[in-house]
Amino acid sequence: MITGQVTAELEARLTIRVRSETRTEIAVESIVDTGFSGFLTLPVAIISALQMQRQGFTHIRLADGNHVGVNLYEGQVWWNDRWRPITIQESEGDPLLGMELLRNHDLFVKVIAGGEVTVEDMA
């Protein structure tokens, strides 16, 4: 089980451990974003700190309908007591944890300031 907390701004946040191919590891506080279908976004400052190498590029559609290009990176997150490989999208702003990472999990959010955020494996 993974737990986090709802902020005063009503953002559901989880802190997850992320590492790169070099085994450089950082704890990242991310916002749970049910409108994001990918795994995880990270800003360039964190990607640089992790010494990640760009693995590709793709175009995505934003919530406002605009299309933008983003760099892609391969990394791992500590998820359900094991390292899980994921694709990371470069995006400025707060890191976003998306629905692909939550696939096959239950997400529970007590939507009040200080409320608990819980992610449980369905297995």
PDB file of N, CA and C in Angstrom:
ATOM      1  N   MET A   1       0.843  -1.166   0.000  1.00  0.00           N
ATOM      2  CA  MET A   1       0.000   0.000   0.000  1.00  0.00           C
ATOM      3  C   MET A   1       0.899   1.243   0.000  1.00  0.00           C
ATOM      4  N   ILE A   2       0.473   2.242  -0.749  1.00  0.00           N
ATOM      5  CA  ILE A   2       1.176   3.506  -0.847  1.00  0.00           C
ATOM      6  C   ILE A   2       0.245   4.575  -0.293  1.00  0.00           C
ATOM      7  N   THR A   3       0.761   5.437   0.563  1.00  0.00           N
ATOM      8  CA  THR A   3      -0.099   6.455   1.158  1.00  0.00           C
ATOM      9  C   THR A   3       0.487   7.847   0.958  1.00  0.00           C
ATOM     10  N   GLY A   4      -0.409   8.807   0.943  1.00  0.00           N
ATOM     11  CA  GLY A   4      -0.036  10.206   0.817  1.00  0.00           C
ATOM     12  C   GLY A   4      -1.059  11.056   1.514  1.00  0.00           C
ATOM     13  N   GLN A   5      -1.116  12.316   1.096  1.00  0.00           N
ATOM     14  CA  GLN A   5      -2.011  13.246   1.785  1.00  0.00           C
ATOM     15  C   GLN A   5      -2.563  14.276   0.808  1.00  0.00           C
ATOM     16  N   VAL A   6      -3.764  14.769   1.128  1.00  0.00           N
ATOM     17  CA  VAL A   6      -4.399  15.841   0.375  1.00  0.00           C
ATOM     18  C   VAL A   6      -3.921  17.172   0.954  1.00  0.00           C
ATOM     19  N   THR A   7      -3.530  18.092   0.081  1.00  0.00           N
ATOM     20  CA  THR A   7      -3.038  19.404   0.520  1.00  0.00           C
ATOM     21  C   THR A   7      -4.202  20.345   0.817  1.00  0.00           C
ATOM     22  N   ALA A   8      -3.869  21.512   1.337  1.00  0.00           N
ATOM     23  CA  ALA A   8      -4.879  22.549   1.588  1.00  0.00           C
ATOM     24  C   ALA A   8      -5.525  23.009   0.284  1.00  0.00           C
ATOM     25  N   GLU A   9      -4.809  22.851  -0.833  1.00  0.00           N
ATOM     26  CA  GLU A   9      -5.350  23.207  -2.158  1.00  0.00           C
ATOM     27  C   GLU A   9      -6.127  22.048  -2.785  1.00  0.00           C
ATOM     28  N   LEU A  10      -6.339  20.972  -2.005  1.00  0.00           N
ATOM     29  CA  LEU A  10      -7.080  19.772  -2.419  1.00  0.00           C
ATOM     30  C   LEU A  10      -6.386  19.003  -3.539  1.00  0.00           C
ATOM     31  N   GLU A  11      -5.051  18.980  -3.498  1.00  0.00           N
ATOM     32  CA  GLU A  11      -4.283  18.152  -4.416  1.00  0.00           C
ATOM     33  C   GLU A  11      -3.935  16.853  -3.703  1.00  0.00           C
ATOM     34  N   ALA A  12      -4.240  15.725  -4.329  1.00  0.00           N
ATOM     35  CA  ALA A  12      -3.857  14.422  -3.790  1.00  0.00           C
ATOM     36  C   ALA A  12      -2.393  14.195  -4.136  1.00  0.00           C
ATOM     37  N   ARG A  13      -1.538  14.050  -3.123  1.00  0.00           N
ATOM     38  CA  ARG A  13      -0.095  13.930  -3.346  1.00  0.00           C
ATOM     39  C   ARG A  13       0.446  12.630  -2.774  1.00  0.00           C
ATOM     40  N   LEU A  14       1.380  12.040  -3.522  1.00  0.00           N
ATOM     41  CA  LEU A  14       2.104  10.849  -3.089  1.00  0.00           C
ATOM     42  C   LEU A  14       3.589  11.103  -3.271  1.00  0.00           C
ATOM     43  N   THR A  15       4.396  10.663  -2.339  1.00  0.00           N
ATOM     44  CA  THR A  15       5.846  10.714  -2.502  1.00  0.00           C
ATOM     45  C   THR A  15       6.304   9.326  -2.930  1.00  0.00           C
ATOM     46  N   ILE A  16       6.998   9.290  -4.073  1.00  0.00           N
ATOM     47  CA  ILE A  16       7.480   8.022  -4.607  1.00  0.00           C
ATOM     48  C   ILE A  16       8.976   8.116  -4.855  1.00  0.00           C
ATOM     49  N   ARG A  17       9.641   6.974  -4.799  1.00  0.00           N
ATOM     50  CA  ARG A  17      11.073   6.916  -5.098  1.00  0.00           C
ATOM     51  C   ARG A  17      11.235   6.618  -6.581  1.00  0.00           C
ATOM     52  N   VAL A  18      12.065   7.427  -7.231  1.00  0.00           N
ATOM     53  CA  VAL A  18      12.325   7.279  -8.661  1.00  0.00           C
ATOM     54  C   VAL A  18      13.819   7.080  -8.838  1.00  0.00           C
ATOM     55  N   ARG A  19      14.209   6.175  -9.748  1.00  0.00           N
ATOM     56  CA  ARG A  19      15.631   6.018 -10.032  1.00  0.00           C
ATOM     57  C   ARG A  19      15.858   5.867 -11.533  1.00  0.00           C
ATOM     58  N   SER A  20      17.098   6.126 -11.903  1.00  0.00           N
ATOM     59  CA  SER A  20      17.497   6.060 -13.312  1.00  0.00           C
ATOM     60  C   SER A  20      18.345   4.826 -13.564  1.00  0.00           C
ATOM     61  N   GLU A  21      18.780   4.693 -14.827  1.00  0.00           N
ATOM     62  CA  GLU A  21      19.651   3.572 -15.200  1.00  0.00           C
ATOM     63  C   GLU A  21      20.941   3.581 -14.393  1.00  0.00           C
ATOM     64  N   THR A  22      21.389   4.762 -13.978  1.00  0.00           N
ATOM     65  CA  THR A  22      22.631   4.883 -13.215  1.00  0.00           C
ATOM     66  C   THR A  22      22.433   4.531 -11.743  1.00  0.00           C
ATOM     67  N   ARG A  23      21.205   4.206 -11.371  1.00  0.00           N
ATOM     68  CA  ARG A  23      20.813   3.868 -10.000  1.00  0.00           C
ATOM     69  C   ARG A  23      20.770   5.093  -9.095  1.00  0.00           C
ATOM     70  N   THR A  24      20.871   6.279  -9.694  1.00  0.00           N
ATOM     71  CA  THR A  24      20.665   7.499  -8.932  1.00  0.00           C
ATOM     72  C   THR A  24      19.198   7.526  -8.528  1.00  0.00           C
ATOM     73  N   GLU A  25      18.924   7.848  -7.269  1.00  0.00           N
ATOM     74  CA  GLU A  25      17.563   7.740  -6.734  1.00  0.00           C
ATOM     75  C   GLU A  25      17.164   9.029  -6.024  1.00  0.00           C
ATOM     76  N   ILE A  26      15.890   9.422  -6.224  1.00  0.00           N
ATOM     77  CA  ILE A  26      15.349  10.631  -5.602  1.00  0.00           C
ATOM     78  C   ILE A  26      13.920  10.344  -5.143  1.00  0.00           C
ATOM     79  N   ALA A  27      13.543  10.891  -3.981  1.00  0.00           N
ATOM     80  CA  ALA A  27      12.145  10.865  -3.551  1.00  0.00           C
ATOM     81  C   ALA A  27      11.449  12.046  -4.208  1.00  0.00           C
ATOM     82  N   VAL A  28      10.342  11.785  -4.878  1.00  0.00           N
ATOM     83  CA  VAL A  28       9.626  12.803  -5.637  1.00  0.00           C
ATOM     84  C   VAL A  28       8.195  12.914  -5.118  1.00  0.00           C
ATOM     85  N   GLU A  29       7.811  14.134  -4.738  1.00  0.00           N
ATOM     86  CA  GLU A  29       6.418  14.369  -4.356  1.00  0.00           C
ATOM     87  C   GLU A  29       5.637  14.675  -5.625  1.00  0.00           C
ATOM     88  N   SER A  30       4.616  13.874  -5.892  1.00  0.00           N
ATOM     89  CA  SER A  30       3.857  14.008  -7.131  1.00  0.00           C
ATOM     90  C   SER A  30       2.377  14.222  -6.842  1.00  0.00           C
ATOM     91  N   ILE A  31       1.713  14.867  -7.793  1.00  0.00           N
ATOM     92  CA  ILE A  31       0.272  15.073  -7.722  1.00  0.00           C
ATOM     93  C   ILE A  31      -0.406  13.942  -8.485  1.00  0.00           C
ATOM     94  N   VAL A  32      -1.376  13.293  -7.875  1.00  0.00           N
ATOM     95  CA  VAL A  32      -2.160  12.274  -8.573  1.00  0.00           C
ATOM     96  C   VAL A  32      -3.056  12.996  -9.568  1.00  0.00           C
ATOM     97  N   ASP A  33      -2.915  12.657 -10.847  1.00  0.00           N
ATOM     98  CA  ASP A  33      -3.656  13.330 -11.913  1.00  0.00           C
ATOM     99  C   ASP A  33      -4.440  12.295 -12.715  1.00  0.00           C
ATOM    100  N   THR A  34      -5.721  12.149 -12.410  1.00  0.00           N
ATOM    101  CA  THR A  34      -6.552  11.151 -13.100  1.00  0.00           C
ATOM    102  C   THR A  34      -6.855  11.550 -14.548  1.00  0.00           C
ATOM    103  N   GLY A  35      -6.512  12.763 -14.934  1.00  0.00           N
ATOM    104  CA  GLY A  35      -6.669  13.188 -16.320  1.00  0.00           C
ATOM    105  C   GLY A  35      -5.434  12.930 -17.159  1.00  0.00           C
ATOM    106  N   PHE A  36      -4.378  12.410 -16.559  1.00  0.00           N
ATOM    107  CA  PHE A  36      -3.124  12.104 -17.247  1.00  0.00           C
ATOM    108  C   PHE A  36      -3.042  10.599 -17.438  1.00  0.00           C
ATOM    109  N   SER A  37      -2.983  10.151 -18.687  1.00  0.00           N
ATOM    110  CA  SER A  37      -3.030   8.714 -18.968  1.00  0.00           C
ATOM    111  C   SER A  37      -1.661   8.042 -18.937  1.00  0.00           C
ATOM    112  N   GLY A  38      -0.569   8.800 -18.786  1.00  0.00           N
ATOM    113  CA  GLY A  38       0.766   8.211 -18.741  1.00  0.00           C
ATOM    114  C   GLY A  38       1.142   7.743 -17.345  1.00  0.00           C
ATOM    115  N   PHE A  39       2.444   7.470 -17.178  1.00  0.00           N
ATOM    116  CA  PHE A  39       2.965   7.006 -15.893  1.00  0.00           C
ATOM    117  C   PHE A  39       3.305   8.167 -14.959  1.00  0.00           C
ATOM    118  N   LEU A  40       4.277   9.009 -15.402  1.00  0.00           N
ATOM    119  CA  LEU A  40       4.824  10.036 -14.524  1.00  0.00           C
ATOM    120  C   LEU A  40       5.426  11.142 -15.376  1.00  0.00           C
ATOM    121  N   THR A  41       5.253  12.392 -14.940  1.00  0.00           N
ATOM    122  CA  THR A  41       5.974  13.501 -15.546  1.00  0.00           C
ATOM    123  C   THR A  41       6.986  14.011 -14.522  1.00  0.00           C
ATOM    124  N   LEU A  42       8.118  14.480 -15.033  1.00  0.00           N
ATOM    125  CA  LEU A  42       9.131  15.086 -14.187  1.00  0.00           C
ATOM    126  C   LEU A  42       9.676  16.319 -14.876  1.00  0.00           C
ATOM    127  N   PRO A  43       9.999  17.367 -14.107  1.00  0.00           N
ATOM    128  CA  PRO A  43      10.631  18.551 -14.702  1.00  0.00           C
ATOM    129  C   PRO A  43      12.105  18.264 -15.016  1.00  0.00           C
ATOM    130  N   VAL A  44      12.665  19.058 -15.899  1.00  0.00           N
ATOM    131  CA  VAL A  44      14.035  18.849 -16.347  1.00  0.00           C
ATOM    132  C   VAL A  44      15.033  18.882 -15.191  1.00  0.00           C
ATOM    133  N   ALA A  45      14.788  19.668 -14.145  1.00  0.00           N
ATOM    134  CA  ALA A  45      15.717  19.723 -13.010  1.00  0.00           C
ATOM    135  C   ALA A  45      15.848  18.355 -12.331  1.00  0.00           C
ATOM    136  N   ILE A  46      14.752  17.648 -12.157  1.00  0.00           N
ATOM    137  CA  ILE A  46      14.800  16.316 -11.532  1.00  0.00           C
ATOM    138  C   ILE A  46      15.403  15.313 -12.504  1.00  0.00           C
ATOM    139  N   ILE A  47      15.039  15.397 -13.777  1.00  0.00           N
ATOM    140  CA  ILE A  47      15.610  14.499 -14.792  1.00  0.00           C
ATOM    141  C   ILE A  47      17.125  14.660 -14.829  1.00  0.00           C
ATOM    142  N   SER A  48      17.601  15.880 -14.765  1.00  0.00           N
ATOM    143  CA  SER A  48      19.051  16.141 -14.755  1.00  0.00           C
ATOM    144  C   SER A  48      19.695  15.591 -13.488  1.00  0.00           C
ATOM    145  N   ALA A  49      19.057  15.794 -12.346  1.00  0.00           N
ATOM    146  CA  ALA A  49      19.598  15.286 -11.078  1.00  0.00           C
ATOM    147  C   ALA A  49      19.699  13.762 -11.093  1.00  0.00           C
ATOM    148  N   LEU A  50      18.785  13.106 -11.792  1.00  0.00           N
ATOM    149  CA  LEU A  50      18.796  11.646 -11.911  1.00  0.00           C
ATOM    150  C   LEU A  50      19.754  11.159 -12.996  1.00  0.00           C
ATOM    151  N   GLN A  51      20.344  12.089 -13.732  1.00  0.00           N
ATOM    152  CA  GLN A  51      21.276  11.767 -14.815  1.00  0.00           C
ATOM    153  C   GLN A  51      20.631  10.860 -15.860  1.00  0.00           C
ATOM    154  N   MET A  52      19.376  11.146 -16.186  1.00  0.00           N
ATOM    155  CA  MET A  52      18.645  10.340 -17.168  1.00  0.00           C
ATOM    156  C   MET A  52      19.039  10.728 -18.590  1.00  0.00           C
ATOM    157  N   GLN A  53      19.054   9.742 -19.465  1.00  0.00           N
ATOM    158  CA  GLN A  53      19.332   9.955 -20.876  1.00  0.00           C
ATOM    159  C   GLN A  53      18.018   9.895 -21.655  1.00  0.00           C
ATOM    160  N   ARG A  54      17.832  10.853 -22.547  1.00  0.00           N
ATOM    161  CA  ARG A  54      16.620  10.895 -23.367  1.00  0.00           C
ATOM    162  C   ARG A  54      16.521   9.623 -24.201  1.00  0.00           C
ATOM    163  N   GLN A  55      15.331   9.013 -24.180  1.00  0.00           N
ATOM    164  CA  GLN A  55      15.097   7.773 -24.907  1.00  0.00           C
ATOM    165  C   GLN A  55      14.211   7.946 -26.134  1.00  0.00           C
ATOM    166  N   GLY A  56      13.544   9.084 -26.230  1.00  0.00           N
ATOM    167  CA  GLY A  56      12.655   9.302 -27.361  1.00  0.00           C
ATOM    168  C   GLY A  56      11.914  10.609 -27.240  1.00  0.00           C
ATOM    169  N   PHE A  57      10.959  10.771 -28.121  1.00  0.00           N
ATOM    170  CA  PHE A  57      10.180  11.998 -28.221  1.00  0.00           C
ATOM    171  C   PHE A  57       8.808  11.609 -28.740  1.00  0.00           C
ATOM    172  N   THR A  58       7.779  12.277 -28.246  1.00  0.00           N
ATOM    173  CA  THR A  58       6.426  12.015 -28.740  1.00  0.00           C
ATOM    174  C   THR A  58       5.615  13.297 -28.662  1.00  0.00           C
ATOM    175  N   HIS A  59       4.469  13.272 -29.307  1.00  0.00           N
ATOM    176  CA  HIS A  59       3.524  14.386 -29.222  1.00  0.00           C
ATOM    177  C   HIS A  59       2.351  13.945 -28.356  1.00  0.00           C
ATOM    178  N   ILE A  60       1.903  14.861 -27.488  1.00  0.00           N
ATOM    179  CA  ILE A  60       0.764  14.560 -26.623  1.00  0.00           C
ATOM    180  C   ILE A  60      -0.257  15.678 -26.751  1.00  0.00           C
ATOM    181  N   ARG A  61      -1.494  15.349 -26.392  1.00  0.00           N
ATOM    182  CA  ARG A  61      -2.559  16.354 -26.379  1.00  0.00           C
ATOM    183  C   ARG A  61      -2.812  16.755 -24.939  1.00  0.00           C
ATOM    184  N   LEU A  62      -2.765  18.045 -24.683  1.00  0.00           N
ATOM    185  CA  LEU A  62      -3.013  18.569 -23.345  1.00  0.00           C
ATOM    186  C   LEU A  62      -4.507  18.694 -23.081  1.00  0.00           C
ATOM    187  N   ALA A  63      -4.860  18.925 -21.827  1.00  0.00           N
ATOM    188  CA  ALA A  63      -6.270  19.053 -21.435  1.00  0.00           C
ATOM    189  C   ALA A  63      -6.972  20.180 -22.188  1.00  0.00           C
ATOM    190  N   ASP A  64      -6.222  21.222 -22.571  1.00  0.00           N
ATOM    191  CA  ASP A  64      -6.833  22.342 -23.297  1.00  0.00           C
ATOM    192  C   ASP A  64      -6.946  22.082 -24.801  1.00  0.00           C
ATOM    193  N   GLY A  65      -6.548  20.880 -25.236  1.00  0.00           N
ATOM    194  CA  GLY A  65      -6.655  20.505 -26.641  1.00  0.00           C
ATOM    195  C   GLY A  65      -5.406  20.776 -27.466  1.00  0.00           C
ATOM    196  N   ASN A  66      -4.458  21.529 -26.928  1.00  0.00           N
ATOM    197  CA  ASN A  66      -3.217  21.799 -27.648  1.00  0.00           C
ATOM    198  C   ASN A  66      -2.346  20.552 -27.719  1.00  0.00           C
ATOM    199  N   HIS A  67      -1.565  20.452 -28.792  1.00  0.00           N
ATOM    200  CA  HIS A  67      -0.613  19.356 -28.959  1.00  0.00           C
ATOM    201  C   HIS A  67       0.788  19.901 -28.740  1.00  0.00           C
ATOM    202  N   VAL A  68       1.598  19.180 -27.969  1.00  0.00           N
ATOM    203  CA  VAL A  68       2.976  19.582 -27.713  1.00  0.00           C
ATOM    204  C   VAL A  68       3.879  18.364 -27.815  1.00  0.00           C
ATOM    205  N   GLY A  69       5.141  18.607 -28.085  1.00  0.00           N
ATOM    206  CA  GLY A  69       6.129  17.538 -28.103  1.00  0.00           C
ATOM    207  C   GLY A  69       6.798  17.425 -26.745  1.00  0.00           C
ATOM    208  N   VAL A  70       7.069  16.197 -26.316  1.00  0.00           N
ATOM    209  CA  VAL A  70       7.735  15.968 -25.036  1.00  0.00           C
ATOM    210  C   VAL A  70       8.838  14.927 -25.191  1.00  0.00           C
ATOM    211  N   ASN A  71       9.900  15.121 -24.422  1.00  0.00           N
ATOM    212  CA  ASN A  71      10.976  14.134 -24.357  1.00  0.00           C
ATOM    213  C   ASN A  71      10.552  12.987 -23.454  1.00  0.00           C
ATOM    214  N   LEU A  72      11.022  11.787 -23.778  1.00  0.00           N
ATOM    215  CA  LEU A  72      10.702  10.590 -23.007  1.00  0.00           C
ATOM    216  C   LEU A  72      11.976  10.009 -22.400  1.00  0.00           C
ATOM    217  N   TYR A  73      11.834   9.465 -21.212  1.00  0.00           N
ATOM    218  CA  TYR A  73      12.939   8.860 -20.482  1.00  0.00           C
ATOM    219  C   TYR A  73      12.460   7.544 -19.892  1.00  0.00           C
ATOM    220  N   GLU A  74      13.382   6.617 -19.703  1.00  0.00           N
ATOM    221  CA  GLU A  74      13.066   5.371 -19.017  1.00  0.00           C
ATOM    222  C   GLU A  74      13.593   5.469 -17.597  1.00  0.00           C
ATOM    223  N   GLY A  75      12.782   5.057 -16.651  1.00  0.00           N
ATOM    224  CA  GLY A  75      13.192   5.071 -15.258  1.00  0.00           C
ATOM    225  C   GLY A  75      12.481   3.967 -14.504  1.00  0.00           C
ATOM    226  N   GLN A  76      12.607   3.985 -13.214  1.00  0.00           N
ATOM    227  CA  GLN A  76      11.941   3.014 -12.355  1.00  0.00           C
ATOM    228  C   GLN A  76      11.364   3.735 -11.149  1.00  0.00           C
ATOM    229  N   VAL A  77      10.252   3.209 -10.646  1.00  0.00           N
ATOM    230  CA  VAL A  77       9.674   3.703  -9.398  1.00  0.00           C
ATOM    231  C   VAL A  77       9.563   2.545  -8.413  1.00  0.00           C
ATOM    232  N   TRP A  78       9.714   2.846  -7.129  1.00  0.00           N
ATOM    233  CA  TRP A  78       9.510   1.841  -6.085  1.00  0.00           C
ATOM    234  C   TRP A  78       8.008   1.753  -5.877  1.00  0.00           C
ATOM    235  N   TRP A  79       7.419   0.629  -6.255  1.00  0.00           N
ATOM    236  CA  TRP A  79       5.971   0.485  -6.315  1.00  0.00           C
ATOM    237  C   TRP A  79       5.607  -0.915  -5.854  1.00  0.00           C
ATOM    238  N   ASN A  80       4.819  -1.023  -4.824  1.00  0.00           N
ATOM    239  CA  ASN A  80       4.416  -2.328  -4.275  1.00  0.00           C
ATOM    240  C   ASN A  80       5.634  -3.175  -3.898  1.00  0.00           C
ATOM    241  N   ASP A  81       6.579  -2.550  -3.213  1.00  0.00           N
ATOM    242  CA  ASP A  81       7.762  -3.227  -2.674  1.00  0.00           C
ATOM    243  C   ASP A  81       8.694  -3.811  -3.734  1.00  0.00           C
ATOM    244  N   ARG A  82       8.710  -3.193  -4.916  1.00  0.00           N
ATOM    245  CA  ARG A  82       9.660  -3.608  -5.956  1.00  0.00           C
ATOM    246  C   ARG A  82       9.874  -2.445  -6.919  1.00  0.00           C
ATOM    247  N   TRP A  83      10.992  -2.503  -7.645  1.00  0.00           N
ATOM    248  CA  TRP A  83      11.255  -1.490  -8.658  1.00  0.00           C
ATOM    249  C   TRP A  83      10.460  -1.839  -9.908  1.00  0.00           C
ATOM    250  N   ARG A  84       9.746  -0.868 -10.409  1.00  0.00           N
ATOM    251  CA  ARG A  84       8.888  -1.054 -11.586  1.00  0.00           C
ATOM    252  C   ARG A  84       9.367  -0.125 -12.706  1.00  0.00           C
ATOM    253  N   PRO A  85       9.676  -0.679 -13.899  1.00  0.00           N
ATOM    254  CA  PRO A  85      10.108   0.177 -15.005  1.00  0.00           C
ATOM    255  C   PRO A  85       8.936   0.983 -15.567  1.00  0.00           C
ATOM    256  N   ILE A  86       9.210   2.260 -15.861  1.00  0.00           N
ATOM    257  CA  ILE A  86       8.171   3.132 -16.406  1.00  0.00           C
ATOM    258  C   ILE A  86       8.774   4.074 -17.444  1.00  0.00           C
ATOM    259  N   THR A  87       7.893   4.677 -18.235  1.00  0.00           N
ATOM    260  CA  THR A  87       8.275   5.746 -19.144  1.00  0.00           C
ATOM    261  C   THR A  87       7.940   7.073 -18.469  1.00  0.00           C
ATOM    262  N   ILE A  88       8.891   7.984 -18.479  1.00  0.00           N
ATOM    263  CA  ILE A  88       8.734   9.291 -17.848  1.00  0.00           C
ATOM    264  C   ILE A  88       8.679  10.353 -18.932  1.00  0.00           C
ATOM    265  N   GLN A  89       7.708  11.243 -18.817  1.00  0.00           N
ATOM    266  CA  GLN A  89       7.595  12.364 -19.748  1.00  0.00           C
ATOM    267  C   GLN A  89       8.161  13.617 -19.101  1.00  0.00           C
ATOM    268  N   GLU A  90       8.942  14.361 -19.870  1.00  0.00           N
ATOM    269  CA  GLU A  90       9.467  15.633 -19.375  1.00  0.00           C
ATOM    270  C   GLU A  90       8.377  16.690 -19.445  1.00  0.00           C
ATOM    271  N   SER A  91       8.141  17.363 -18.334  1.00  0.00           N
ATOM    272  CA  SER A  91       7.135  18.416 -18.288  1.00  0.00           C
ATOM    273  C   SER A  91       7.434  19.317 -17.109  1.00  0.00           C
ATOM    274  N   GLU A  92       7.472  20.614 -17.351  1.00  0.00           N
ATOM    275  CA  GLU A  92       7.739  21.544 -16.260  1.00  0.00           C
ATOM    276  C   GLU A  92       6.532  21.610 -15.318  1.00  0.00           C
ATOM    277  N   GLY A  93       6.769  22.100 -14.132  1.00  0.00           N
ATOM    278  CA  GLY A  93       5.718  22.144 -13.123  1.00  0.00           C
ATOM    279  C   GLY A  93       5.870  20.978 -12.169  1.00  0.00           C
ATOM    280  N   ASP A  94       4.873  20.802 -11.333  1.00  0.00           N
ATOM    281  CA  ASP A  94       4.905  19.703 -10.366  1.00  0.00           C
ATOM    282  C   ASP A  94       4.874  18.359 -11.078  1.00  0.00           C
ATOM    283  N   PRO A  95       5.608  17.364 -10.556  1.00  0.00           N
ATOM    284  CA  PRO A  95       5.508  16.018 -11.113  1.00  0.00           C
ATOM    285  C   PRO A  95       4.070  15.502 -11.012  1.00  0.00           C
ATOM    286  N   LEU A  96       3.630  14.837 -12.071  1.00  0.00           N
ATOM    287  CA  LEU A  96       2.282  14.267 -12.121  1.00  0.00           C
ATOM    288  C   LEU A  96       2.370  12.750 -12.174  1.00  0.00           C
ATOM    289  N   LEU A  97       1.588  12.089 -11.335  1.00  0.00           N
ATOM    290  CA  LEU A  97       1.481  10.637 -11.319  1.00  0.00           C
ATOM    291  C   LEU A  97       0.188  10.290 -12.038  1.00  0.00           C
ATOM    292  N   GLY A  98       0.300   9.522 -13.121  1.00  0.00           N
ATOM    293  CA  GLY A  98      -0.847   9.280 -13.983  1.00  0.00           C
ATOM    294  C   GLY A  98      -1.494   7.915 -13.849  1.00  0.00           C
ATOM    295  N   MET A  99      -2.526   7.741 -14.652  1.00  0.00           N
ATOM    296  CA  MET A  99      -3.373   6.554 -14.589  1.00  0.00           C
ATOM    297  C   MET A  99      -2.658   5.262 -14.994  1.00  0.00           C
ATOM    298  N   GLU A 100      -1.657   5.345 -15.861  1.00  0.00           N
ATOM    299  CA  GLU A 100      -0.940   4.123 -16.249  1.00  0.00           C
ATOM    300  C   GLU A 100      -0.215   3.520 -15.050  1.00  0.00           C
ATOM    301  N   LEU A 101       0.310   4.359 -14.183  1.00  0.00           N
ATOM    302  CA  LEU A 101       0.962   3.857 -12.972  1.00  0.00           C
ATOM    303  C   LEU A 101      -0.066   3.293 -11.994  1.00  0.00           C
ATOM    304  N   LEU A 102      -1.279   3.825 -12.030  1.00  0.00           N
ATOM    305  CA  LEU A 102      -2.342   3.363 -11.130  1.00  0.00           C
ATOM    306  C   LEU A 102      -3.132   2.175 -11.672  1.00  0.00           C
ATOM    307  N   ARG A 103      -2.834   1.754 -12.899  1.00  0.00           N
ATOM    308  CA  ARG A 103      -3.550   0.611 -13.502  1.00  0.00           C
ATOM    309  C   ARG A 103      -3.511  -0.587 -12.554  1.00  0.00           C
ATOM    310  N   ASN A 104      -4.653  -1.252 -12.412  1.00  0.00           N
ATOM    311  CA  ASN A 104      -4.811  -2.430 -11.548  1.00  0.00           C
ATOM    312  C   ASN A 104      -4.621  -2.127 -10.062  1.00  0.00           C
ATOM    313  N   HIS A 105      -4.925  -0.906  -9.680  1.00  0.00           N
ATOM    314  CA  HIS A 105      -4.863  -0.489  -8.283  1.00  0.00           C
ATOM    315  C   HIS A 105      -6.165   0.224  -7.919  1.00  0.00           C
ATOM    316  N   ASP A 106      -6.466   0.227  -6.642  1.00  0.00           N
ATOM    317  CA  ASP A 106      -7.558   1.040  -6.116  1.00  0.00           C
ATOM    318  C   ASP A 106      -6.960   2.328  -5.588  1.00  0.00           C
ATOM    319  N   LEU A 107      -7.608   3.450  -5.910  1.00  0.00           N
ATOM    320  CA  LEU A 107      -7.193   4.757  -5.420  1.00  0.00           C
ATOM    321  C   LEU A 107      -8.301   5.278  -4.513  1.00  0.00           C
ATOM    322  N   PHE A 108      -7.939   5.592  -3.275  1.00  0.00           N
ATOM    323  CA  PHE A 108      -8.887   6.145  -2.318  1.00  0.00           C
ATOM    324  C   PHE A 108      -8.368   7.509  -1.884  1.00  0.00           C
ATOM    325  N   VAL A 109      -9.240   8.515  -1.939  1.00  0.00           N
ATOM    326  CA  VAL A 109      -8.842   9.861  -1.553  1.00  0.00           C
ATOM    327  C   VAL A 109      -9.921  10.444  -0.642  1.00  0.00           C
ATOM    328  N   LYS A 110      -9.528  10.828   0.553  1.00  0.00           N
ATOM    329  CA  LYS A 110     -10.425  11.544   1.455  1.00  0.00           C
ATOM    330  C   LYS A 110     -10.218  13.019   1.127  1.00  0.00           C
ATOM    331  N   VAL A 111     -11.144  13.594   0.384  1.00  0.00           N
ATOM    332  CA  VAL A 111     -10.952  14.916  -0.209  1.00  0.00           C
ATOM    333  C   VAL A 111     -11.289  16.026   0.789  1.00  0.00           C
ATOM    334  N   ILE A 112     -10.385  16.179   1.738  1.00  0.00           N
ATOM    335  CA  ILE A 112     -10.384  17.301   2.680  1.00  0.00           C
ATOM    336  C   ILE A 112      -8.906  17.625   2.926  1.00  0.00           C
ATOM    337  N   ALA A 113      -8.610  18.847   3.301  1.00  0.00           N
ATOM    338  CA  ALA A 113      -7.228  19.204   3.617  1.00  0.00           C
ATOM    339  C   ALA A 113      -6.699  18.258   4.690  1.00  0.00           C
ATOM    340  N   GLY A 114      -5.581  17.614   4.415  1.00  0.00           N
ATOM    341  CA  GLY A 114      -5.007  16.648   5.346  1.00  0.00           C
ATOM    342  C   GLY A 114      -5.556  15.250   5.203  1.00  0.00           C
ATOM    343  N   GLY A 115      -6.508  15.064   4.280  1.00  0.00           N
ATOM    344  CA  GLY A 115      -7.087  13.742   4.074  1.00  0.00           C
ATOM    345  C   GLY A 115      -6.081  12.750   3.528  1.00  0.00           C
ATOM    346  N   GLU A 116      -6.323  11.474   3.768  1.00  0.00           N
ATOM    347  CA  GLU A 116      -5.407  10.431   3.336  1.00  0.00           C
ATOM    348  C   GLU A 116      -5.639  10.044   1.880  1.00  0.00           C
ATOM    349  N   VAL A 117      -4.534   9.786   1.182  1.00  0.00           N
ATOM    350  CA  VAL A 117      -4.544   9.243  -0.178  1.00  0.00           C
ATOM    351  C   VAL A 117      -3.943   7.848  -0.067  1.00  0.00           C
ATOM    352  N   THR A 118      -4.660   6.845  -0.563  1.00  0.00           N
ATOM    353  CA  THR A 118      -4.204   5.466  -0.465  1.00  0.00           C
ATOM    354  C   THR A 118      -4.290   4.790  -1.832  1.00  0.00           C
ATOM    355  N   VAL A 119      -3.210   4.093  -2.194  1.00  0.00           N
ATOM    356  CA  VAL A 119      -3.170   3.292  -3.422  1.00  0.00           C
ATOM    357  C   VAL A 119      -2.916   1.860  -2.999  1.00  0.00           C
ATOM    358  N   GLU A 120      -3.833   0.962  -3.400  1.00  0.00           N
ATOM    359  CA  GLU A 120      -3.710  -0.461  -3.036  1.00  0.00           C
ATOM    360  C   GLU A 120      -3.735  -1.310  -4.282  1.00  0.00           C
ATOM    361  N   ASP A 121      -2.842  -2.288  -4.355  1.00  0.00           N
ATOM    362  CA  ASP A 121      -2.809  -3.246  -5.451  1.00  0.00           C
ATOM    363  C   ASP A 121      -4.082  -4.085  -5.411  1.00  0.00           C
ATOM    364  N   MET A 122      -4.731  -4.254  -6.564  1.00  0.00           N
ATOM    365  CA  MET A 122      -5.965  -5.044  -6.625  1.00  0.00           C
ATOM    366  C   MET A 122      -5.711  -6.537  -6.460  1.00  0.00           C
ATOM    367  N   ALA A 123      -4.478  -6.978  -6.658  1.00  0.00           N
ATOM    368  CA  ALA A 123      -4.166  -8.413  -6.600  1.00  0.00           C
ATOM    369  C   ALA A 123      -4.293  -8.972  -5.207  1.00  0.00           C
TER     370      ALA A 123
END
